[in-house]
Amino acid sequence: MGNDATESGAWVSVGKTIKQLIAELESFENKDLIVELSVDGGGSSVPISLVGKKDGKCILMYTG
């Protein structure tokens, strides 16, 4: 999406910044899509319940 980290695949090990994530989400045409989180490549997913900050990181949480 135009940034070096994403194009090189570095985001896989380094992660994304809030700025990078927002830019990627803004590229979706349908802004009403439910956002879910997957840790297995999309095989399963859970809805993001809360967004928080811990130890200097943005944390997406599922509280199901």
PDB file of N, CA and C in Angstrom:
ATOM      1  N   MET A   1       0.819  -1.201   0.000  1.00  0.00           N
ATOM      2  CA  MET A   1       0.000   0.000   0.000  1.00  0.00           C
ATOM      3  C   MET A   1       0.856   1.256   0.000  1.00  0.00           C
ATOM      4  N   GLY A   2       2.065   1.121  -0.508  1.00  0.00           N
ATOM      5  CA  GLY A   2       2.853   2.300  -0.651  1.00  0.00           C
ATOM      6  C   GLY A   2       3.844   2.574   0.463  1.00  0.00           C
ATOM      7  N   ASN A   3       3.949   1.703   1.486  1.00  0.00           N
ATOM      8  CA  ASN A   3       5.006   1.930   2.465  1.00  0.00           C
ATOM      9  C   ASN A   3       5.996   0.789   2.395  1.00  0.00           C
ATOM     10  N   ASP A   4       7.251   1.118   2.651  1.00  0.00           N
ATOM     11  CA  ASP A   4       8.323   0.142   2.460  1.00  0.00           C
ATOM     12  C   ASP A   4       8.171  -1.093   3.325  1.00  0.00           C
ATOM     13  N   ALA A   5       7.724  -0.928   4.576  1.00  0.00           N
ATOM     14  CA  ALA A   5       7.607  -2.080   5.474  1.00  0.00           C
ATOM     15  C   ALA A   5       6.602  -3.089   4.933  1.00  0.00           C
ATOM     16  N   THR A   6       5.457  -2.602   4.456  1.00  0.00           N
ATOM     17  CA  THR A   6       4.441  -3.504   3.924  1.00  0.00           C
ATOM     18  C   THR A   6       4.931  -4.169   2.646  1.00  0.00           C
ATOM     19  N   GLU A   7       5.527  -3.397   1.768  1.00  0.00           N
ATOM     20  CA  GLU A   7       5.973  -3.945   0.494  1.00  0.00           C
ATOM     21  C   GLU A   7       7.064  -4.988   0.670  1.00  0.00           C
ATOM     22  N   SER A   8       7.910  -4.824   1.681  1.00  0.00           N
ATOM     23  CA  SER A   8       8.996  -5.780   1.881  1.00  0.00           C
ATOM     24  C   SER A   8       8.561  -6.973   2.720  1.00  0.00           C
ATOM     25  N   GLY A   9       7.366  -6.914   3.297  1.00  0.00           N
ATOM     26  CA  GLY A   9       6.904  -7.993   4.155  1.00  0.00           C
ATOM     27  C   GLY A   9       7.375  -7.856   5.588  1.00  0.00           C
ATOM     28  N   ALA A  10       8.064  -6.766   5.920  1.00  0.00           N
ATOM     29  CA  ALA A  10       8.571  -6.564   7.280  1.00  0.00           C
ATOM     30  C   ALA A  10       7.442  -6.478   8.297  1.00  0.00           C
ATOM     31  N   TRP A  11       6.255  -6.066   7.875  1.00  0.00           N
ATOM     32  CA  TRP A  11       5.138  -5.939   8.814  1.00  0.00           C
ATOM     33  C   TRP A  11       4.808  -7.272   9.471  1.00  0.00           C
ATOM     34  N   VAL A  12       5.149  -8.376   8.845  1.00  0.00           N
ATOM     35  CA  VAL A  12       4.851  -9.695   9.413  1.00  0.00           C
ATOM     36  C   VAL A  12       5.545  -9.871  10.754  1.00  0.00           C
ATOM     37  N   SER A  13       6.797  -9.433  10.857  1.00  0.00           N
ATOM     38  CA  SER A  13       7.527  -9.600  12.113  1.00  0.00           C
ATOM     39  C   SER A  13       7.537  -8.344  12.968  1.00  0.00           C
ATOM     40  N   VAL A  14       7.423  -7.178  12.346  1.00  0.00           N
ATOM     41  CA  VAL A  14       7.504  -5.921  13.085  1.00  0.00           C
ATOM     42  C   VAL A  14       6.126  -5.451  13.525  1.00  0.00           C
ATOM     43  N   GLY A  15       5.107  -5.715  12.753  1.00  0.00           N
ATOM     44  CA  GLY A  15       3.763  -5.243  13.047  1.00  0.00           C
ATOM     45  C   GLY A  15       3.463  -3.961  12.297  1.00  0.00           C
ATOM     46  N   LYS A  16       2.277  -3.433  12.527  1.00  0.00           N
ATOM     47  CA  LYS A  16       1.849  -2.201  11.879  1.00  0.00           C
ATOM     48  C   LYS A  16       1.656  -1.134  12.936  1.00  0.00           C
ATOM     49  N   THR A  17       1.861   0.103  12.524  1.00  0.00           N
ATOM     50  CA  THR A  17       1.565   1.220  13.414  1.00  0.00           C
ATOM     51  C   THR A  17       0.072   1.532  13.314  1.00  0.00           C
ATOM     52  N   ILE A  18      -0.433   2.309  14.260  1.00  0.00           N
ATOM     53  CA  ILE A  18      -1.829   2.747  14.197  1.00  0.00           C
ATOM     54  C   ILE A  18      -2.058   3.497  12.887  1.00  0.00           C
ATOM     55  N   LYS A  19      -1.117   4.349  12.517  1.00  0.00           N
ATOM     56  CA  LYS A  19      -1.230   5.126  11.281  1.00  0.00           C
ATOM     57  C   LYS A  19      -1.348   4.213  10.064  1.00  0.00           C
ATOM     58  N   GLN A  20      -0.521   3.166  10.001  1.00  0.00           N
ATOM     59  CA  GLN A  20      -0.576   2.227   8.877  1.00  0.00           C
ATOM     60  C   GLN A  20      -1.897   1.465   8.864  1.00  0.00           C
ATOM     61  N   LEU A  21      -2.364   1.043  10.035  1.00  0.00           N
ATOM     62  CA  LEU A  21      -3.618   0.301  10.123  1.00  0.00           C
ATOM     63  C   LEU A  21      -4.799   1.166   9.697  1.00  0.00           C
ATOM     64  N   ILE A  22      -4.834   2.411  10.165  1.00  0.00           N
ATOM     65  CA  ILE A  22      -5.923   3.316   9.784  1.00  0.00           C
ATOM     66  C   ILE A  22      -5.930   3.538   8.277  1.00  0.00           C
ATOM     67  N   ALA A  23      -4.769   3.762   7.690  1.00  0.00           N
ATOM     68  CA  ALA A  23      -4.696   3.970   6.236  1.00  0.00           C
ATOM     69  C   ALA A  23      -5.227   2.753   5.488  1.00  0.00           C
ATOM     70  N   GLU A  24      -4.883   1.574   5.956  1.00  0.00           N
ATOM     71  CA  GLU A  24      -5.355   0.361   5.293  1.00  0.00           C
ATOM     72  C   GLU A  24      -6.867   0.208   5.448  1.00  0.00           C
ATOM     73  N   LEU A  25      -7.385   0.469   6.643  1.00  0.00           N
ATOM     74  CA  LEU A  25      -8.827   0.371   6.867  1.00  0.00           C
ATOM     75  C   LEU A  25      -9.591   1.409   6.052  1.00  0.00           C
ATOM     76  N   GLU A  26      -9.026   2.603   5.905  1.00  0.00           N
ATOM     77  CA  GLU A  26      -9.686   3.648   5.118  1.00  0.00           C
ATOM     78  C   GLU A  26      -9.790   3.279   3.645  1.00  0.00           C
ATOM     79  N   SER A  27      -8.980   2.343   3.178  1.00  0.00           N
ATOM     80  CA  SER A  27      -9.029   1.939   1.772  1.00  0.00           C
ATOM     81  C   SER A  27     -10.234   1.054   1.460  1.00  0.00           C
ATOM     82  N   PHE A  28     -10.908   0.526   2.484  1.00  0.00           N
ATOM     83  CA  PHE A  28     -12.084  -0.303   2.258  1.00  0.00           C
ATOM     84  C   PHE A  28     -13.248   0.576   1.824  1.00  0.00           C
ATOM     85  N   GLU A  29     -13.940   0.160   0.772  1.00  0.00           N
ATOM     86  CA  GLU A  29     -15.078   0.928   0.283  1.00  0.00           C
ATOM     87  C   GLU A  29     -16.216   0.915   1.295  1.00  0.00           C
ATOM     88  N   ASN A  30     -16.535  -0.253   1.846  1.00  0.00           N
ATOM     89  CA  ASN A  30     -17.635  -0.391   2.800  1.00  0.00           C
ATOM     90  C   ASN A  30     -17.108  -0.176   4.218  1.00  0.00           C
ATOM     91  N   LYS A  31     -17.377   0.994   4.774  1.00  0.00           N
ATOM     92  CA  LYS A  31     -16.891   1.331   6.120  1.00  0.00           C
ATOM     93  C   LYS A  31     -17.758   0.710   7.216  1.00  0.00           C
ATOM     94  N   ASP A  32     -18.829   0.009   6.856  1.00  0.00           N
ATOM     95  CA  ASP A  32     -19.712  -0.615   7.837  1.00  0.00           C
ATOM     96  C   ASP A  32     -19.390  -2.086   8.081  1.00  0.00           C
ATOM     97  N   LEU A  33     -18.314  -2.598   7.488  1.00  0.00           N
ATOM     98  CA  LEU A  33     -17.916  -3.990   7.717  1.00  0.00           C
ATOM     99  C   LEU A  33     -17.534  -4.199   9.177  1.00  0.00           C
ATOM    100  N   ILE A  34     -17.877  -5.348   9.727  1.00  0.00           N
ATOM    101  CA  ILE A  34     -17.448  -5.720  11.068  1.00  0.00           C
ATOM    102  C   ILE A  34     -15.963  -6.073  11.009  1.00  0.00           C
ATOM    103  N   VAL A  35     -15.204  -5.620  11.995  1.00  0.00           N
ATOM    104  CA  VAL A  35     -13.773  -5.917  12.061  1.00  0.00           C
ATOM    105  C   VAL A  35     -13.565  -7.104  12.988  1.00  0.00           C
ATOM    106  N   GLU A  36     -12.858  -8.122  12.501  1.00  0.00           N
ATOM    107  CA  GLU A  36     -12.547  -9.296  13.310  1.00  0.00           C
ATOM    108  C   GLU A  36     -11.046  -9.526  13.320  1.00  0.00           C
ATOM    109  N   LEU A  37     -10.596 -10.323  14.263  1.00  0.00           N
ATOM    110  CA  LEU A  37      -9.180 -10.620  14.442  1.00  0.00           C
ATOM    111  C   LEU A  37      -8.951 -12.108  14.264  1.00  0.00           C
ATOM    112  N   SER A  38      -7.930 -12.457  13.486  1.00  0.00           N
ATOM    113  CA  SER A  38      -7.561 -13.852  13.278  1.00  0.00           C
ATOM    114  C   SER A  38      -6.082 -14.023  13.596  1.00  0.00           C
ATOM    115  N   VAL A  39      -5.747 -15.120  14.243  1.00  0.00           N
ATOM    116  CA  VAL A  39      -4.334 -15.419  14.512  1.00  0.00           C
ATOM    117  C   VAL A  39      -3.882 -16.668  13.759  1.00  0.00           C
ATOM    118  N   ASP A  40      -4.749 -17.170  12.867  1.00  0.00           N
ATOM    119  CA  ASP A  40      -4.403 -18.377  12.108  1.00  0.00           C
ATOM    120  C   ASP A  40      -4.576 -18.180  10.600  1.00  0.00           C
ATOM    121  N   GLY A  41      -4.331 -16.967  10.127  1.00  0.00           N
ATOM    122  CA  GLY A  41      -4.396 -16.713   8.694  1.00  0.00           C
ATOM    123  C   GLY A  41      -5.798 -16.631   8.130  1.00  0.00           C
ATOM    124  N   GLY A  42      -6.797 -16.446   8.971  1.00  0.00           N
ATOM    125  CA  GLY A  42      -8.171 -16.302   8.508  1.00  0.00           C
ATOM    126  C   GLY A  42      -9.005 -17.560   8.620  1.00  0.00           C
ATOM    127  N   GLY A  43      -8.425 -18.654   9.097  1.00  0.00           N
ATOM    128  CA  GLY A  43      -9.177 -19.895   9.279  1.00  0.00           C
ATOM    129  C   GLY A  43     -10.315 -19.729  10.269  1.00  0.00           C
ATOM    130  N   SER A  44     -10.067 -18.965  11.303  1.00  0.00           N
ATOM    131  CA  SER A  44     -11.094 -18.617  12.279  1.00  0.00           C
ATOM    132  C   SER A  44     -10.858 -17.170  12.684  1.00  0.00           C
ATOM    133  N   SER A  45     -11.894 -16.530  13.201  1.00  0.00           N
ATOM    134  CA  SER A  45     -11.762 -15.138  13.614  1.00  0.00           C
ATOM    135  C   SER A  45     -12.754 -14.825  14.715  1.00  0.00           C
ATOM    136  N   VAL A  46     -12.458 -13.763  15.446  1.00  0.00           N
ATOM    137  CA  VAL A  46     -13.337 -13.288  16.518  1.00  0.00           C
ATOM    138  C   VAL A  46     -13.485 -11.782  16.355  1.00  0.00           C
ATOM    139  N   PRO A  47     -14.637 -11.235  16.783  1.00  0.00           N
ATOM    140  CA  PRO A  47     -14.828  -9.792  16.663  1.00  0.00           C
ATOM    141  C   PRO A  47     -13.940  -9.039  17.651  1.00  0.00           C
ATOM    142  N   ILE A  48     -13.498  -7.864  17.254  1.00  0.00           N
ATOM    143  CA  ILE A  48     -12.739  -7.013  18.166  1.00  0.00           C
ATOM    144  C   ILE A  48     -13.742  -6.348  19.096  1.00  0.00           C
ATOM    145  N   SER A  49     -13.606  -6.606  20.388  1.00  0.00           N
ATOM    146  CA  SER A  49     -14.530  -6.071  21.379  1.00  0.00           C
ATOM    147  C   SER A  49     -14.067  -4.726  21.922  1.00  0.00           C
ATOM    148  N   LEU A  50     -12.784  -4.610  22.193  1.00  0.00           N
ATOM    149  CA  LEU A  50     -12.226  -3.411  22.811  1.00  0.00           C
ATOM    150  C   LEU A  50     -10.896  -3.059  22.168  1.00  0.00           C
ATOM    151  N   VAL A  51     -10.560  -1.787  22.223  1.00  0.00           N
ATOM    152  CA  VAL A  51      -9.240  -1.319  21.810  1.00  0.00           C
ATOM    153  C   VAL A  51      -8.651  -0.613  23.018  1.00  0.00           C
ATOM    154  N   GLY A  52      -7.442  -1.000  23.399  1.00  0.00           N
ATOM    155  CA  GLY A  52      -6.821  -0.413  24.576  1.00  0.00           C
ATOM    156  C   GLY A  52      -5.357  -0.113  24.353  1.00  0.00           C
ATOM    157  N   LYS A  53      -4.733   0.389  25.408  1.00  0.00           N
ATOM    158  CA  LYS A  53      -3.307   0.706  25.360  1.00  0.00           C
ATOM    159  C   LYS A  53      -2.643   0.057  26.559  1.00  0.00           C
ATOM    160  N   LYS A  54      -1.563  -0.690  26.312  1.00  0.00           N
ATOM    161  CA  LYS A  54      -0.839  -1.365  27.385  1.00  0.00           C
ATOM    162  C   LYS A  54       0.637  -1.413  27.021  1.00  0.00           C
ATOM    163  N   ASP A  55       1.476  -1.020  27.949  1.00  0.00           N
ATOM    164  CA  ASP A  55       2.930  -1.066  27.756  1.00  0.00           C
ATOM    165  C   ASP A  55       3.372  -0.388  26.461  1.00  0.00           C
ATOM    166  N   GLY A  56       2.742   0.745  26.142  1.00  0.00           N
ATOM    167  CA  GLY A  56       3.122   1.496  24.951  1.00  0.00           C
ATOM    168  C   GLY A  56       2.655   0.901  23.644  1.00  0.00           C
ATOM    169  N   LYS A  57       1.708  -0.037  23.710  1.00  0.00           N
ATOM    170  CA  LYS A  57       1.190  -0.683  22.497  1.00  0.00           C
ATOM    171  C   LYS A  57      -0.321  -0.518  22.429  1.00  0.00           C
ATOM    172  N   CYS A  58      -0.843  -0.481  21.210  1.00  0.00           N
ATOM    173  CA  CYS A  58      -2.284  -0.520  20.980  1.00  0.00           C
ATOM    174  C   CYS A  58      -2.684  -1.992  20.975  1.00  0.00           C
ATOM    175  N   ILE A  59      -3.662  -2.356  21.802  1.00  0.00           N
ATOM    176  CA  ILE A  59      -4.084  -3.749  21.930  1.00  0.00           C
ATOM    177  C   ILE A  59      -5.530  -3.888  21.438  1.00  0.00           C
ATOM    178  N   LEU A  60      -5.751  -4.800  20.487  1.00  0.00           N
ATOM    179  CA  LEU A  60      -7.097  -5.135  20.026  1.00  0.00           C
ATOM    180  C   LEU A  60      -7.531  -6.363  20.805  1.00  0.00           C
ATOM    181  N   MET A  61      -8.676  -6.275  21.484  1.00  0.00           N
ATOM    182  CA  MET A  61      -9.086  -7.349  22.390  1.00  0.00           C
ATOM    183  C   MET A  61     -10.418  -7.970  22.003  1.00  0.00           C
ATOM    184  N   TYR A  62     -10.512  -9.249  22.266  1.00  0.00           N
ATOM    185  CA  TYR A  62     -11.765 -10.004  22.160  1.00  0.00           C
ATOM    186  C   TYR A  62     -12.131 -10.406  23.576  1.00  0.00           C
ATOM    187  N   THR A  63     -13.339 -10.070  24.000  1.00  0.00           N
ATOM    188  CA  THR A  63     -13.738 -10.357  25.382  1.00  0.00           C
ATOM    189  C   THR A  63     -14.812 -11.421  25.475  1.00  0.00           C
ATOM    190  N   GLY A  64     -15.144 -12.043  24.337  1.00  0.00           N
ATOM    191  CA  GLY A  64     -16.180 -13.037  24.193  1.00  0.00           C
ATOM    192  C   GLY A  64     -16.364 -13.919  25.338  1.00  0.00           C
TER     193      GLY A  64
END
